[in-house]
Amino acid sequence: MKHVAAYMLCVLGGNASPDAAAVKKVLTAGGVEADDAALTKVIESMNGKSINDLVEAGTKKMASVPSGGGGGGGGAAAPAAAAKGAAPAKAAKAAPPPEEEEDMGFSLFD
């Protein structure tokens, strides 16, 4: 993918048919190491083809790919109202008191 992106950057920069050296120069400028085998395959695959035509064809292919979820499911149903003779809910326990911090003999900021 990085080789294709570098190739396309060369084309956008005005080089209608970039060679391996031009693509390597773009990759090197971005701090990326080029894989010669992959670069050769990209150059051969793109040879004689218009980038605009390739992007248009790819866009048409991507249109048929499902790309979204069906949306989230609905929330859970609200609980039913309590019956008239039901026992009242128990009172919640009080939170325990916070523990005191202990001095460990050093400070993180000394």
Foldseek 3Di string as FASTA:
>chain_A
DLLLVLQVVVVVVPDQQDDLVSSCVSCVVVVHHDDVVVNVVNSVVCPPHGPVVVVVVVVVVVVPDDDDDPDDDDDDDDDDDDDPPDDDDDDDDDDDDDDDDDDPPDDPVD
